Amino acid sequence: MDKLDGNLIVSPSLFLAFGSPMQAIDFDEYNEALCDFLGTVAFPRSILIVSPFWVTDNIKINSVDYPELIYDFDEGPETLKILTYPCSGNPDLAVEIKNLLDSRDIEAELEMERGLDKGCWIPLYVAFPDMDVPVVQMSIPKNASPEELFRIGNTLSDLRKTGVMIITVGNTVYDETNFDLEYKYKGADDWAKELDNWIYERVKSRNYKELFNANNFAPHASKINISRLSPLYFMLGTTIDNDVSSVIFDDFYYGNTAMRSFVYINNR
């Protein structure tokens, strides 16, 4: 990655799929595609990251100098539980985020104790193995509608113009009843592929009306896993003028777990 040149380069906004914690040690096509993409963009001054594993009544923003890791998983070998990711936090950015949210009357508070959950540090372990980018995690508000999540993302979108890379972690399709860690490449059912394609086609066309009402418009809507899809609505709000969307990786792992990952990148 090239270092950011002042404020002239707009950092991208990424939606990264979460398969399992094994991604940290099981290098595969997903890891390779993500690293290849990041090699083409400017090095961020900091990262704001949102995962589906931190849900709170109101928004909380991690404001710890050196966040610890939360090993919130049972699956995988013991090797996973001895991994470390000693990145720094960015309390100044956390305050900046809170001030932006306050300016739009969006309730938020600083969190001074919580570390980074698996939805944050596992993808970061793959994406930034040198651990040289400060990280701030923000929670998902529990009862927020898709429109409200979009508004939160929109409120923070200008951070990208200052070199903050926004990373949102989730899944377009996640079928926990069919999740099988032992058979990574078992293949996906047709309904999962159809739902994943439907969602991304509307991401590309920015058809927010249908995305916000996916339960009414999407094929196989009863299969939507809202906890994994909610971060997408936040990510959509972080888009800015002249953004274009591009797929980083597109496949299914562990059954009906969509690993589709994509980016909004600015060409100005």
C-alpha atoms as a PDB file:
ATOM      1  CA  MET A   1       0.000   0.000   0.000  1.00  0.00           C
ATOM      2  CA  ASP A   2       1.046   3.555  -0.661  1.00  0.00           C
ATOM      3  CA  LYS A   3       1.007   5.979   2.220  1.00  0.00           C
ATOM      4  CA  LEU A   4      -1.836   8.471   2.229  1.00  0.00           C
ATOM      5  CA  ASP A   5      -0.842  11.757   0.588  1.00  0.00           C
ATOM      6  CA  GLY A   6      -2.433  14.406   2.770  1.00  0.00           C
ATOM      7  CA  ASN A   7      -6.207  14.489   2.410  1.00  0.00           C
ATOM      8  CA  LEU A   8      -6.264  14.072  -1.370  1.00  0.00           C
ATOM      9  CA  ILE A   9      -7.050  10.365  -1.438  1.00  0.00           C
ATOM     10  CA  VAL A  10     -10.436   9.133  -0.317  1.00  0.00           C
ATOM     11  CA  SER A  11     -10.212   5.875   1.632  1.00  0.00           C
ATOM     12  CA  PRO A  12     -12.558   3.076   0.539  1.00  0.00           C
ATOM     13  CA  SER A  13     -15.481   1.620   2.419  1.00  0.00           C
ATOM     14  CA  LEU A  14     -15.444  -2.175   2.562  1.00  0.00           C
ATOM     15  CA  PHE A  15     -18.024  -4.837   3.296  1.00  0.00           C
ATOM     16  CA  LEU A  16     -16.130  -7.967   4.359  1.00  0.00           C
ATOM     17  CA  ALA A  17     -17.752 -11.350   4.831  1.00  0.00           C
ATOM     18  CA  PHE A  18     -17.134 -13.278   8.033  1.00  0.00           C
ATOM     19  CA  GLY A  19     -16.800 -17.012   7.531  1.00  0.00           C
ATOM     20  CA  SER A  20     -15.171 -18.333  10.681  1.00  0.00           C
ATOM     21  CA  PRO A  21     -12.194 -17.475  12.913  1.00  0.00           C
ATOM     22  CA  MET A  22     -10.254 -20.048  10.882  1.00  0.00           C
ATOM     23  CA  GLN A  23      -9.732 -17.327   8.256  1.00  0.00           C
ATOM     24  CA  ALA A  24      -6.882 -16.030  10.395  1.00  0.00           C
ATOM     25  CA  ILE A  25      -4.794 -19.174   9.897  1.00  0.00           C
ATOM     26  CA  ASP A  26      -6.370 -20.909   6.899  1.00  0.00           C
ATOM     27  CA  PHE A  27      -4.946 -18.878   4.022  1.00  0.00           C
ATOM     28  CA  ASP A  28      -7.098 -19.314   0.930  1.00  0.00           C
ATOM     29  CA  GLU A  29      -8.559 -17.504  -2.069  1.00  0.00           C
ATOM     30  CA  TYR A  30     -10.537 -15.117   0.146  1.00  0.00           C
ATOM     31  CA  ASN A  31      -7.441 -14.013   2.046  1.00  0.00           C
ATOM     32  CA  GLU A  32      -5.478 -13.680  -1.177  1.00  0.00           C
ATOM     33  CA  ALA A  33      -8.167 -11.583  -2.870  1.00  0.00           C
ATOM     34  CA  LEU A  34      -8.473  -9.254   0.108  1.00  0.00           C
ATOM     35  CA  CYS A  35      -4.714  -8.740   0.375  1.00  0.00           C
ATOM     36  CA  ASP A  36      -4.441  -8.192  -3.389  1.00  0.00           C
ATOM     37  CA  PHE A  37      -7.110  -5.502  -3.244  1.00  0.00           C
ATOM     38  CA  LEU A  38      -5.585  -3.710  -0.274  1.00  0.00           C
ATOM     39  CA  GLY A  39      -2.297  -3.612  -2.128  1.00  0.00           C
ATOM     40  CA  THR A  40      -3.925  -1.266  -4.653  1.00  0.00           C
ATOM     41  CA  VAL A  41      -5.213   1.430  -2.285  1.00  0.00           C
ATOM     42  CA  ALA A  42      -3.671   4.107  -0.095  1.00  0.00           C
ATOM     43  CA  PHE A  43      -2.589   3.169   3.394  1.00  0.00           C
ATOM     44  CA  PRO A  44      -5.233   4.479   5.852  1.00  0.00           C
ATOM     45  CA  ARG A  45      -4.476   6.742   8.786  1.00  0.00           C
ATOM     46  CA  SER A  46      -6.958   4.740  10.845  1.00  0.00           C
ATOM     47  CA  ILE A  47      -9.765   2.189  10.583  1.00  0.00           C
ATOM     48  CA  LEU A  48     -13.352   2.432  11.766  1.00  0.00           C
ATOM     49  CA  ILE A  49     -14.802  -1.062  11.918  1.00  0.00           C
ATOM     50  CA  VAL A  50     -18.275  -2.422  12.642  1.00  0.00           C
ATOM     51  CA  SER A  51     -19.097  -6.093  13.200  1.00  0.00           C
ATOM     52  CA  PRO A  52     -22.314  -8.027  13.872  1.00  0.00           C
ATOM     53  CA  PHE A  53     -20.934  -9.277  17.194  1.00  0.00           C
ATOM     54  CA  TRP A  54     -21.192  -6.023  19.129  1.00  0.00           C
ATOM     55  CA  VAL A  55     -24.826  -4.992  19.453  1.00  0.00           C
ATOM     56  CA  THR A  56     -25.887  -2.484  22.114  1.00  0.00           C
ATOM     57  CA  ASP A  57     -28.972  -0.489  23.022  1.00  0.00           C
ATOM     58  CA  ASN A  58     -27.288   2.723  21.891  1.00  0.00           C
ATOM     59  CA  ILE A  59     -24.120   3.212  19.887  1.00  0.00           C
ATOM     60  CA  LYS A  60     -20.864   2.673  21.729  1.00  0.00           C
ATOM     61  CA  ILE A  61     -17.472   3.639  20.368  1.00  0.00           C
ATOM     62  CA  ASN A  62     -14.310   1.908  21.510  1.00  0.00           C
ATOM     63  CA  SER A  63     -11.979   4.556  22.940  1.00  0.00           C
ATOM     64  CA  VAL A  64      -9.146   2.402  24.288  1.00  0.00           C
ATOM     65  CA  ASP A  65      -5.496   3.178  23.626  1.00  0.00           C
ATOM     66  CA  TYR A  66      -4.565  -0.473  23.189  1.00  0.00           C
ATOM     67  CA  PRO A  67      -7.663  -2.672  22.825  1.00  0.00           C
ATOM     68  CA  GLU A  68      -7.406  -6.254  23.999  1.00  0.00           C
ATOM     69  CA  LEU A  69      -8.805  -9.143  21.976  1.00  0.00           C
ATOM     70  CA  ILE A  70     -12.041 -10.942  22.756  1.00  0.00           C
ATOM     71  CA  TYR A  71     -11.770 -14.654  21.962  1.00  0.00           C
ATOM     72  CA  ASP A  72     -15.502 -15.044  21.491  1.00  0.00           C
ATOM     73  CA  PHE A  73     -15.483 -18.415  19.753  1.00  0.00           C
ATOM     74  CA  ASP A  74     -15.232 -22.109  20.579  1.00  0.00           C
ATOM     75  CA  GLU A  75     -14.563 -23.518  17.136  1.00  0.00           C
ATOM     76  CA  GLY A  76     -11.136 -24.144  15.693  1.00  0.00           C
ATOM     77  CA  PRO A  77      -7.840 -25.376  17.115  1.00  0.00           C
ATOM     78  CA  GLU A  78      -6.108 -23.978  20.187  1.00  0.00           C
ATOM     79  CA  THR A  79      -3.763 -22.169  17.801  1.00  0.00           C
ATOM     80  CA  LEU A  80      -6.481 -19.572  17.267  1.00  0.00           C
ATOM     81  CA  LYS A  81      -6.641 -18.777  20.955  1.00  0.00           C
ATOM     82  CA  ILE A  82      -2.991 -17.884  21.203  1.00  0.00           C
ATOM     83  CA  LEU A  83      -3.034 -15.443  18.291  1.00  0.00           C
ATOM     84  CA  THR A  84      -2.485 -11.823  19.179  1.00  0.00           C
ATOM     85  CA  TYR A  85      -3.241  -8.596  17.362  1.00  0.00           C
ATOM     86  CA  PRO A  86      -1.593  -5.778  19.348  1.00  0.00           C
ATOM     87  CA  CYS A  87      -2.838  -2.850  17.293  1.00  0.00           C
ATOM     88  CA  SER A  88      -3.344   0.557  18.814  1.00  0.00           C
ATOM     89  CA  GLY A  89      -6.655   2.263  19.279  1.00  0.00           C
ATOM     90  CA  ASN A  90      -7.436   5.853  18.340  1.00  0.00           C
ATOM     91  CA  PRO A  91      -9.243   7.701  21.150  1.00  0.00           C
ATOM     92  CA  ASP A  92      -9.077  10.969  19.194  1.00  0.00           C
ATOM     93  CA  LEU A  93     -10.948   9.384  16.281  1.00  0.00           C
ATOM     94  CA  ALA A  94     -13.456   7.893  18.735  1.00  0.00           C
ATOM     95  CA  VAL A  95     -14.216  11.402  20.025  1.00  0.00           C
ATOM     96  CA  GLU A  96     -14.471  12.688  16.444  1.00  0.00           C
ATOM     97  CA  ILE A  97     -16.990   9.941  15.637  1.00  0.00           C
ATOM     98  CA  LYS A  98     -19.039  10.761  18.720  1.00  0.00           C
ATOM     99  CA  ASN A  99     -19.065  14.463  17.861  1.00  0.00           C
ATOM    100  CA  LEU A 100     -20.285  13.727  14.342  1.00  0.00           C
ATOM    101  CA  LEU A 101     -23.087  11.534  15.684  1.00  0.00           C
ATOM    102  CA  ASP A 102     -23.994  14.131  18.309  1.00  0.00           C
ATOM    103  CA  SER A 103     -24.305  16.721  15.548  1.00  0.00           C
ATOM    104  CA  ARG A 104     -27.095  14.636  14.019  1.00  0.00           C
ATOM    105  CA  ASP A 105     -28.760  13.877  17.371  1.00  0.00           C
ATOM    106  CA  ILE A 106     -27.686  10.232  17.186  1.00  0.00           C
ATOM    107  CA  GLU A 107     -27.089   8.968  20.701  1.00  0.00           C
ATOM    108  CA  ALA A 108     -23.609   7.534  21.257  1.00  0.00           C
ATOM    109  CA  GLU A 109     -21.138   7.088  24.076  1.00  0.00           C
ATOM    110  CA  LEU A 110     -17.463   6.253  24.438  1.00  0.00           C
ATOM    111  CA  GLU A 111     -16.558   2.768  25.675  1.00  0.00           C
ATOM    112  CA  MET A 112     -13.392   2.701  27.751  1.00  0.00           C
ATOM    113  CA  GLU A 113     -12.977  -1.019  28.497  1.00  0.00           C
ATOM    114  CA  ARG A 114     -14.179  -3.330  25.739  1.00  0.00           C
ATOM    115  CA  GLY A 115     -11.703  -4.951  23.369  1.00  0.00           C
ATOM    116  CA  LEU A 116     -12.066  -6.078  19.740  1.00  0.00           C
ATOM    117  CA  ASP A 117     -14.324  -9.038  18.995  1.00  0.00           C
ATOM    118  CA  LYS A 118     -13.708 -11.776  16.433  1.00  0.00           C
ATOM    119  CA  GLY A 119     -15.618  -9.871  13.767  1.00  0.00           C
ATOM    120  CA  CYS A 120     -12.952  -7.175  13.985  1.00  0.00           C
ATOM    121  CA  TRP A 121      -9.598  -8.652  14.769  1.00  0.00           C
ATOM    122  CA  ILE A 122      -9.895 -11.807  12.647  1.00  0.00           C
ATOM    123  CA  PRO A 123     -10.440  -9.846   9.380  1.00  0.00           C
ATOM    124  CA  LEU A 124      -7.812  -7.302  10.442  1.00  0.00           C
ATOM    125  CA  TYR A 125      -5.329 -10.088  11.147  1.00  0.00           C
ATOM    126  CA  VAL A 126      -5.722 -11.077   7.490  1.00  0.00           C
ATOM    127  CA  ALA A 127      -5.937  -7.595   5.997  1.00  0.00           C
ATOM    128  CA  PHE A 128      -3.297  -5.744   8.030  1.00  0.00           C
ATOM    129  CA  PRO A 129      -0.902  -8.376   9.363  1.00  0.00           C
ATOM    130  CA  ASP A 130       1.682  -5.752  10.334  1.00  0.00           C
ATOM    131  CA  MET A 131      -0.827  -4.405  12.867  1.00  0.00           C
ATOM    132  CA  ASP A 132       0.246  -0.870  12.018  1.00  0.00           C
ATOM    133  CA  VAL A 133      -3.110   0.872  11.617  1.00  0.00           C
ATOM    134  CA  PRO A 134      -5.002   2.303  14.627  1.00  0.00           C
ATOM    135  CA  VAL A 135      -8.453   0.728  15.021  1.00  0.00           C
ATOM    136  CA  VAL A 136     -11.744   1.979  16.445  1.00  0.00           C
ATOM    137  CA  GLN A 137     -14.711  -0.388  16.716  1.00  0.00           C
ATOM    138  CA  MET A 138     -18.261   0.922  16.877  1.00  0.00           C
ATOM    139  CA  SER A 139     -21.298  -1.064  17.949  1.00  0.00           C
ATOM    140  CA  ILE A 140     -24.529  -1.691  16.047  1.00  0.00           C
ATOM    141  CA  PRO A 141     -27.586  -0.219  17.807  1.00  0.00           C
ATOM    142  CA  LYS A 142     -29.958  -3.062  18.552  1.00  0.00           C
ATOM    143  CA  ASN A 143     -33.305  -1.695  17.423  1.00  0.00           C
ATOM    144  CA  ALA A 144     -32.156   0.486  14.535  1.00  0.00           C
ATOM    145  CA  SER A 145     -34.051   0.145  11.264  1.00  0.00           C
ATOM    146  CA  PRO A 146     -32.202  -0.190   7.945  1.00  0.00           C
ATOM    147  CA  GLU A 147     -32.912   3.485   7.269  1.00  0.00           C
ATOM    148  CA  GLU A 148     -31.475   4.473  10.648  1.00  0.00           C
ATOM    149  CA  LEU A 149     -28.349   2.386  10.115  1.00  0.00           C
ATOM    150  CA  PHE A 150     -27.933   4.030   6.718  1.00  0.00           C
ATOM    151  CA  ARG A 151     -28.208   7.461   8.345  1.00  0.00           C
ATOM    152  CA  ILE A 152     -25.529   6.558  10.886  1.00  0.00           C
ATOM    153  CA  GLY A 153     -23.204   5.492   8.086  1.00  0.00           C
ATOM    154  CA  ASN A 154     -23.977   8.642   6.122  1.00  0.00           C
ATOM    155  CA  THR A 155     -23.130  10.781   9.142  1.00  0.00           C
ATOM    156  CA  LEU A 156     -19.652   9.256   9.239  1.00  0.00           C
ATOM    157  CA  SER A 157     -19.004   9.045   5.494  1.00  0.00           C
ATOM    158  CA  ASP A 158     -16.820  12.159   5.334  1.00  0.00           C
ATOM    159  CA  LEU A 159     -14.260  10.455   7.583  1.00  0.00           C
ATOM    160  CA  ARG A 160     -13.168   8.651   4.425  1.00  0.00           C
ATOM    161  CA  LYS A 161     -11.988  11.976   3.011  1.00  0.00           C
ATOM    162  CA  THR A 162      -9.526  12.242   5.900  1.00  0.00           C
ATOM    163  CA  GLY A 163      -7.934   8.848   5.344  1.00  0.00           C
ATOM    164  CA  VAL A 164     -10.173   6.726   7.579  1.00  0.00           C
ATOM    165  CA  MET A 165     -10.936   3.365   6.018  1.00  0.00           C
ATOM    166  CA  ILE A 166     -14.394   2.122   6.986  1.00  0.00           C
ATOM    167  CA  ILE A 167     -14.711  -1.653   7.266  1.00  0.00           C
ATOM    168  CA  THR A 168     -18.066  -3.301   7.844  1.00  0.00           C
ATOM    169  CA  VAL A 169     -18.205  -7.011   8.602  1.00  0.00           C
ATOM    170  CA  GLY A 170     -21.243  -9.207   7.986  1.00  0.00           C
ATOM    171  CA  ASN A 171     -22.773 -11.555   5.414  1.00  0.00           C
ATOM    172  CA  THR A 172     -25.267 -11.084   2.624  1.00  0.00           C
ATOM    173  CA  VAL A 173     -26.403 -14.664   3.348  1.00  0.00           C
ATOM    174  CA  TYR A 174     -25.725 -16.667   6.491  1.00  0.00           C
ATOM    175  CA  ASP A 175     -27.558 -19.911   7.244  1.00  0.00           C
ATOM    176  CA  GLU A 176     -26.427 -20.982  10.698  1.00  0.00           C
ATOM    177  CA  THR A 177     -28.548 -24.147  10.549  1.00  0.00           C
ATOM    178  CA  ASN A 178     -26.405 -25.389   7.652  1.00  0.00           C
ATOM    179  CA  PHE A 179     -23.024 -24.120   8.853  1.00  0.00           C
ATOM    180  CA  ASP A 180     -20.402 -26.875   8.696  1.00  0.00           C
ATOM    181  CA  LEU A 181     -16.851 -25.958   9.681  1.00  0.00           C
ATOM    182  CA  GLU A 182     -15.522 -29.366   8.620  1.00  0.00           C
ATOM    183  CA  TYR A 183     -16.641 -28.978   4.997  1.00  0.00           C
ATOM    184  CA  LYS A 184     -15.542 -25.558   3.869  1.00  0.00           C
ATOM    185  CA  TYR A 185     -16.224 -26.153   0.185  1.00  0.00           C
ATOM    186  CA  LYS A 186     -19.420 -28.196   0.481  1.00  0.00           C
ATOM    187  CA  GLY A 187     -21.287 -25.813  -1.830  1.00  0.00           C
ATOM    188  CA  ALA A 188     -24.360 -23.655  -1.413  1.00  0.00           C
ATOM    189  CA  ASP A 189     -28.032 -24.237  -2.074  1.00  0.00           C
ATOM    190  CA  ASP A 190     -29.660 -22.486  -5.018  1.00  0.00           C
ATOM    191  CA  TRP A 191     -31.787 -20.273  -2.759  1.00  0.00           C
ATOM    192  CA  ALA A 192     -28.648 -18.912  -1.063  1.00  0.00           C
ATOM    193  CA  LYS A 193     -27.062 -18.025  -4.379  1.00  0.00           C
ATOM    194  CA  GLU A 194     -30.253 -16.345  -5.564  1.00  0.00           C
ATOM    195  CA  LEU A 195     -30.573 -14.274  -2.391  1.00  0.00           C
ATOM    196  CA  ASP A 196     -26.919 -13.249  -2.460  1.00  0.00           C
ATOM    197  CA  ASN A 197     -27.157 -12.182  -6.104  1.00  0.00           C
ATOM    198  CA  TRP A 198     -30.376 -10.274  -5.461  1.00  0.00           C
ATOM    199  CA  ILE A 199     -28.776  -8.301  -2.633  1.00  0.00           C
ATOM    200  CA  TYR A 200     -25.620  -7.395  -4.517  1.00  0.00           C
ATOM    201  CA  GLU A 201     -27.482  -6.398  -7.673  1.00  0.00           C
ATOM    202  CA  ARG A 202     -29.340  -3.832  -5.568  1.00  0.00           C
ATOM    203  CA  VAL A 203     -26.136  -2.709  -3.909  1.00  0.00           C
ATOM    204  CA  LYS A 204     -24.683  -1.997  -7.359  1.00  0.00           C
ATOM    205  CA  SER A 205     -27.767  -0.147  -8.559  1.00  0.00           C
ATOM    206  CA  ARG A 206     -28.255   1.579  -5.187  1.00  0.00           C
ATOM    207  CA  ASN A 207     -31.813   0.357  -5.013  1.00  0.00           C
ATOM    208  CA  TYR A 208     -32.125   1.239  -1.353  1.00  0.00           C
ATOM    209  CA  LYS A 209     -35.918   1.010  -1.317  1.00  0.00           C
ATOM    210  CA  GLU A 210     -35.852  -2.717  -1.983  1.00  0.00           C
ATOM    211  CA  LEU A 211     -32.806  -3.342   0.202  1.00  0.00           C
ATOM    212  CA  PHE A 212     -34.393  -1.556   3.156  1.00  0.00           C
ATOM    213  CA  ASN A 213     -37.508  -3.678   2.636  1.00  0.00           C
ATOM    214  CA  ALA A 214     -35.772  -6.919   1.744  1.00  0.00           C
ATOM    215  CA  ASN A 215     -38.285  -8.901   3.794  1.00  0.00           C
ATOM    216  CA  ASN A 216     -40.917  -7.854   1.269  1.00  0.00           C
ATOM    217  CA  PHE A 217     -38.937  -7.828  -1.975  1.00  0.00           C
ATOM    218  CA  ALA A 218     -36.129 -10.385  -1.752  1.00  0.00           C
ATOM    219  CA  PRO A 219     -36.440 -13.972  -2.954  1.00  0.00           C
ATOM    220  CA  HIS A 220     -36.321 -16.417  -0.048  1.00  0.00           C
ATOM    221  CA  ALA A 221     -36.782 -13.493   2.328  1.00  0.00           C
ATOM    222  CA  SER A 222     -37.556 -15.826   5.219  1.00  0.00           C
ATOM    223  CA  LYS A 223     -33.936 -16.984   5.035  1.00  0.00           C
ATOM    224  CA  ILE A 224     -32.476 -13.525   5.670  1.00  0.00           C
ATOM    225  CA  ASN A 225     -30.235 -13.412   8.727  1.00  0.00           C
ATOM    226  CA  ILE A 226     -30.834  -9.854   9.851  1.00  0.00           C
ATOM    227  CA  SER A 227     -28.002  -9.787  12.387  1.00  0.00           C
ATOM    228  CA  ARG A 228     -25.473 -10.511   9.604  1.00  0.00           C
ATOM    229  CA  LEU A 229     -27.197  -8.251   7.070  1.00  0.00           C
ATOM    230  CA  SER A 230     -27.672  -5.195   9.324  1.00  0.00           C
ATOM    231  CA  PRO A 231     -24.043  -4.023   9.005  1.00  0.00           C
ATOM    232  CA  LEU A 232     -24.594  -3.745   5.245  1.00  0.00           C
ATOM    233  CA  TYR A 233     -27.099  -0.931   5.760  1.00  0.00           C
ATOM    234  CA  PHE A 234     -24.499   1.025   7.710  1.00  0.00           C
ATOM    235  CA  MET A 235     -21.933   0.435   4.956  1.00  0.00           C
ATOM    236  CA  LEU A 236     -24.332   1.677   2.268  1.00  0.00           C
ATOM    237  CA  GLY A 237     -24.655   4.944   4.146  1.00  0.00           C
ATOM    238  CA  THR A 238     -20.903   5.521   4.010  1.00  0.00           C
ATOM    239  CA  THR A 239     -20.901   5.966   0.232  1.00  0.00           C
ATOM    240  CA  ILE A 240     -20.034   9.360  -1.204  1.00  0.00           C
ATOM    241  CA  ASP A 241     -20.214  11.024  -4.620  1.00  0.00           C
ATOM    242  CA  ASN A 242     -18.236   9.337  -7.401  1.00  0.00           C
ATOM    243  CA  ASP A 243     -18.006   6.016  -5.562  1.00  0.00           C
ATOM    244  CA  VAL A 244     -18.116   2.858  -7.632  1.00  0.00           C
ATOM    245  CA  SER A 245     -18.711  -0.621  -6.263  1.00  0.00           C
ATOM    246  CA  SER A 246     -16.427  -3.537  -6.990  1.00  0.00           C
ATOM    247  CA  VAL A 247     -16.425  -7.152  -5.839  1.00  0.00           C
ATOM    248  CA  ILE A 248     -13.366  -8.295  -3.898  1.00  0.00           C
ATOM    249  CA  PHE A 249     -14.425 -11.930  -3.508  1.00  0.00           C
ATOM    250  CA  ASP A 250     -17.509 -13.950  -4.360  1.00  0.00           C
ATOM    251  CA  ASP A 251     -18.040 -17.530  -3.162  1.00  0.00           C
ATOM    252  CA  PHE A 252     -19.702 -19.608  -0.464  1.00  0.00           C
ATOM    253  CA  TYR A 253     -17.940 -21.370   2.416  1.00  0.00           C
ATOM    254  CA  TYR A 254     -19.159 -23.807   5.059  1.00  0.00           C
ATOM    255  CA  GLY A 255     -22.479 -24.315   3.301  1.00  0.00           C
ATOM    256  CA  ASN A 256     -24.764 -21.353   2.789  1.00  0.00           C
ATOM    257  CA  THR A 257     -22.346 -18.737   4.109  1.00  0.00           C
ATOM    258  CA  ALA A 258     -21.869 -16.063   1.463  1.00  0.00           C
ATOM    259  CA  MET A 259     -18.300 -14.800   1.438  1.00  0.00           C
ATOM    260  CA  ARG A 260     -19.163 -12.024  -0.994  1.00  0.00           C
ATOM    261  CA  SER A 261     -17.025  -9.040  -0.082  1.00  0.00           C
ATOM    262  CA  PHE A 262     -17.063  -5.774  -1.939  1.00  0.00           C
ATOM    263  CA  VAL A 263     -15.932  -2.181  -1.778  1.00  0.00           C
ATOM    264  CA  TYR A 264     -17.082   1.309  -2.556  1.00  0.00           C
ATOM    265  CA  ILE A 265     -14.046   3.104  -3.903  1.00  0.00           C
ATOM    266  CA  ASN A 266     -13.792   6.690  -5.024  1.00  0.00           C
ATOM    267  CA  ASN A 267     -12.228   7.659  -8.312  1.00  0.00           C
ATOM    268  CA  ARG A 268     -11.998  11.408  -7.869  1.00  0.00           C
END
